[in-house]
Amino acid sequence: MAPMRDDDLIIRSARPEDERELADLNRAAWSWLSDVAPRPAEDRGVFDERHPPEQYLLALIGGRVVGYVRQVPPTPLASNRHVRQIQGLAVDGSVRGRGIGRALVEAACAAARADGARRISLRVLGHNEPARRLYERCGFRVEGSLSEEFLLDGRYVDDIWMARRLDGED
């Protein structure tokens, strides 16, 4: 695949009018490799009270949504306010391998840092080697795992917890 020029990719916050395109991408990217819930229904949107547009950053090429990352506080507790959590990442299969996933993760980290976060965490399925490699390249380290936490497509799968500091320390 041809390398992506920086000016080809735009990363911006989601808007309510992005919902249909985002839902289509979410459904197309669904896989037991990365998801623990069944494939979303055709008529199911993405945004609701718990998943508002401002939690999503979108990657666009030529005005088309080709990826997203969702980053949120992991709890409503004041004592946990310094942490953010990535709770969703997807890149359209037609543009994978062009650095879009990494750009989205780095944009989520920058947004979390700008919002005062010191750490960002995530959970990834143990068998999702491509995602684990991406997160490691972005500075995330494994902090724990829950063995056989999910039964997916007839196989038990580990739940891996990863995190990265955002304050420049390692």
Protein backbone atom coordinates (compact mmCIF):
# COMPACT_ATOMS: atom_id res chain seq x y z
CA MET A 1 0.00 0.00 0.00
CA ALA A 2 1.21 3.48 -0.76
CA PRO A 3 2.38 5.49 2.25
CA MET A 4 -0.14 8.01 3.47
CA ARG A 5 0.73 11.68 3.19
CA ASP A 6 0.04 13.61 6.38
CA ASP A 7 -2.30 15.96 4.52
CA ASP A 8 -4.48 13.00 3.40
CA LEU A 9 -5.55 12.18 6.96
CA ILE A 10 -7.74 14.37 9.11
CA ILE A 11 -8.46 13.47 12.73
CA ARG A 12 -11.31 15.35 14.34
CA SER A 13 -13.97 14.99 17.00
CA ALA A 14 -17.16 13.22 16.00
CA ARG A 15 -20.37 15.15 15.42
CA PRO A 16 -23.96 13.88 15.63
CA GLU A 17 -24.22 13.83 11.85
CA ASP A 18 -21.35 11.27 11.71
CA GLU A 19 -23.43 8.59 13.42
CA ARG A 20 -24.56 6.61 10.35
CA GLU A 21 -21.08 6.45 8.81
CA LEU A 22 -19.54 5.59 12.18
CA ALA A 23 -22.13 2.85 12.81
CA ASP A 24 -21.43 1.38 9.36
CA LEU A 25 -17.68 1.32 10.08
CA ASN A 26 -18.26 -0.19 13.52
CA ARG A 27 -20.37 -2.98 12.00
CA ALA A 28 -17.90 -3.61 9.13
CA ALA A 29 -14.92 -3.78 11.52
CA TRP A 30 -16.66 -6.19 13.91
CA SER A 31 -14.82 -9.47 14.56
CA TRP A 32 -14.46 -12.03 17.33
CA LEU A 33 -10.77 -11.07 17.20
CA SER A 34 -11.58 -7.71 18.79
CA ASP A 35 -15.16 -7.76 20.07
CA VAL A 36 -16.82 -9.49 23.01
CA ALA A 37 -20.42 -8.67 22.07
CA PRO A 38 -22.34 -9.90 19.03
CA ARG A 39 -22.22 -7.90 15.78
CA PRO A 40 -24.34 -4.74 16.07
CA ALA A 41 -27.69 -4.80 14.28
CA GLU A 42 -28.05 -2.98 10.95
CA ASP A 43 -30.38 -0.38 12.43
CA ARG A 44 -28.33 0.22 15.59
CA GLY A 45 -26.62 3.58 15.94
CA VAL A 46 -23.50 4.36 17.92
CA PHE A 47 -24.40 7.44 19.94
CA ASP A 48 -26.56 7.33 23.06
CA GLU A 49 -26.55 8.73 26.59
CA ARG A 50 -23.47 6.68 27.55
CA HIS A 51 -21.70 7.09 24.18
CA PRO A 52 -21.97 10.76 23.10
CA PRO A 53 -20.15 12.06 20.00
CA GLU A 54 -17.57 14.00 22.04
CA GLN A 55 -16.05 10.70 23.25
CA TYR A 56 -15.00 9.78 19.70
CA LEU A 57 -12.16 10.94 17.50
CA LEU A 58 -12.58 10.12 13.82
CA ALA A 59 -10.01 9.53 11.10
CA LEU A 60 -11.11 10.80 7.68
CA ILE A 61 -9.54 10.43 4.27
CA GLY A 62 -11.18 12.30 1.42
CA GLY A 63 -14.07 13.20 3.73
CA ARG A 64 -14.84 9.51 4.43
CA VAL A 65 -14.70 8.09 7.97
CA VAL A 66 -12.01 5.38 7.91
CA GLY A 67 -11.38 4.95 11.63
CA TYR A 68 -12.29 5.94 15.14
CA VAL A 69 -11.08 5.78 18.70
CA ARG A 70 -13.26 6.24 21.78
CA GLN A 71 -11.58 7.62 24.92
CA VAL A 72 -13.40 8.13 28.24
CA PRO A 73 -12.83 8.43 31.99
CA PRO A 74 -12.89 4.83 33.27
CA THR A 75 -15.08 5.75 36.26
CA PRO A 76 -17.00 8.81 37.50
CA LEU A 77 -14.85 8.96 40.67
CA ALA A 78 -12.87 12.13 41.43
CA SER A 79 -10.00 9.97 42.68
CA ASN A 80 -9.75 8.40 39.19
CA ARG A 81 -10.06 11.64 37.22
CA HIS A 82 -6.39 11.54 36.16
CA VAL A 83 -6.94 8.38 34.06
CA ARG A 84 -8.58 7.91 30.65
CA GLN A 85 -9.43 4.64 28.96
CA ILE A 86 -9.60 3.69 25.30
CA GLN A 87 -12.88 1.84 24.88
CA GLY A 88 -12.93 1.24 21.16
CA LEU A 89 -10.68 1.49 18.14
CA ALA A 90 -11.43 0.52 14.56
CA VAL A 91 -9.87 1.15 11.17
CA ASP A 92 -11.52 0.35 7.84
CA GLY A 93 -9.92 -2.76 6.33
CA SER A 94 -9.29 -0.97 3.03
CA VAL A 95 -6.81 1.44 4.67
CA ARG A 96 -5.16 -0.74 7.32
CA GLY A 97 -1.39 -0.69 7.38
CA ARG A 98 -1.19 3.04 6.65
CA GLY A 99 -0.61 4.27 10.22
CA ILE A 100 -4.19 5.32 10.89
CA GLY A 101 -4.57 3.19 14.02
CA ARG A 102 -1.39 4.63 15.47
CA ALA A 103 -2.47 8.18 14.58
CA LEU A 104 -5.81 7.62 16.34
CA VAL A 105 -4.17 6.17 19.47
CA GLU A 106 -1.70 9.06 19.62
CA ALA A 107 -4.55 11.57 19.11
CA ALA A 108 -6.49 9.95 21.97
CA CYS A 109 -3.40 10.18 24.20
CA ALA A 110 -2.89 13.85 23.27
CA ALA A 111 -6.54 14.65 23.98
CA ALA A 112 -6.38 12.86 27.33
CA ARG A 113 -3.17 14.71 28.25
CA ALA A 114 -4.75 18.05 27.24
CA ASP A 115 -7.67 17.20 29.53
CA GLY A 116 -5.29 16.72 32.48
CA ALA A 117 -4.90 12.93 32.40
CA ARG A 118 -1.63 11.35 33.56
CA ARG A 119 -2.42 7.80 32.39
CA ILE A 120 -4.40 6.08 29.69
CA SER A 121 -5.42 2.44 29.86
CA LEU A 122 -7.22 -0.09 27.71
CA ARG A 123 -8.31 -3.70 27.53
CA VAL A 124 -7.47 -5.91 24.56
CA LEU A 125 -8.26 -9.55 23.87
CA GLY A 126 -5.26 -11.82 24.32
CA HIS A 127 -5.58 -13.33 20.86
CA ASN A 128 -5.69 -9.93 19.12
CA GLU A 129 -1.98 -9.81 18.27
CA PRO A 130 -2.24 -6.97 15.70
CA ALA A 131 -3.89 -4.66 18.25
CA ARG A 132 -1.45 -5.65 20.99
CA ARG A 133 1.51 -4.87 18.72
CA LEU A 134 -0.02 -1.49 17.82
CA TYR A 135 -0.52 -0.56 21.46
CA GLU A 136 3.03 -1.65 22.33
CA ARG A 137 4.41 0.51 19.49
CA CYS A 138 2.44 3.39 21.02
CA GLY A 139 4.12 2.90 24.42
CA PHE A 140 1.49 0.80 26.21
CA ARG A 141 2.68 -1.96 28.52
CA VAL A 142 0.82 -4.99 29.86
CA GLU A 143 -0.19 -4.40 33.48
CA GLY A 144 -2.28 -7.52 34.00
CA SER A 145 -4.48 -10.16 32.51
CA LEU A 146 -7.59 -12.13 33.32
CA SER A 147 -7.19 -15.69 32.05
CA GLU A 148 -10.05 -17.15 30.02
CA GLU A 149 -12.23 -14.12 30.79
CA PHE A 150 -14.36 -14.47 27.65
CA LEU A 151 -15.83 -17.39 25.70
CA LEU A 152 -15.79 -16.20 22.08
CA ASP A 153 -16.72 -18.29 19.10
CA GLY A 154 -16.19 -21.46 21.14
CA ARG A 155 -12.75 -20.49 22.56
CA TYR A 156 -11.73 -19.07 25.92
CA VAL A 157 -9.83 -15.81 25.51
CA ASP A 158 -7.73 -13.80 27.97
CA ASP A 159 -8.49 -10.14 28.73
CA ILE A 160 -5.23 -8.14 28.71
CA TRP A 161 -4.99 -4.80 30.55
CA MET A 162 -2.49 -2.31 29.16
CA ALA A 163 -1.61 1.27 30.08
CA ARG A 164 0.69 4.15 29.25
CA ARG A 165 1.78 7.17 31.23
CA LEU A 166 1.06 10.52 29.65
CA ASP A 167 3.26 12.74 31.79
CA GLY A 168 6.53 11.88 30.01
CA GLU A 169 7.64 9.34 32.61
CA ASP A 170 8.07 5.62 31.93
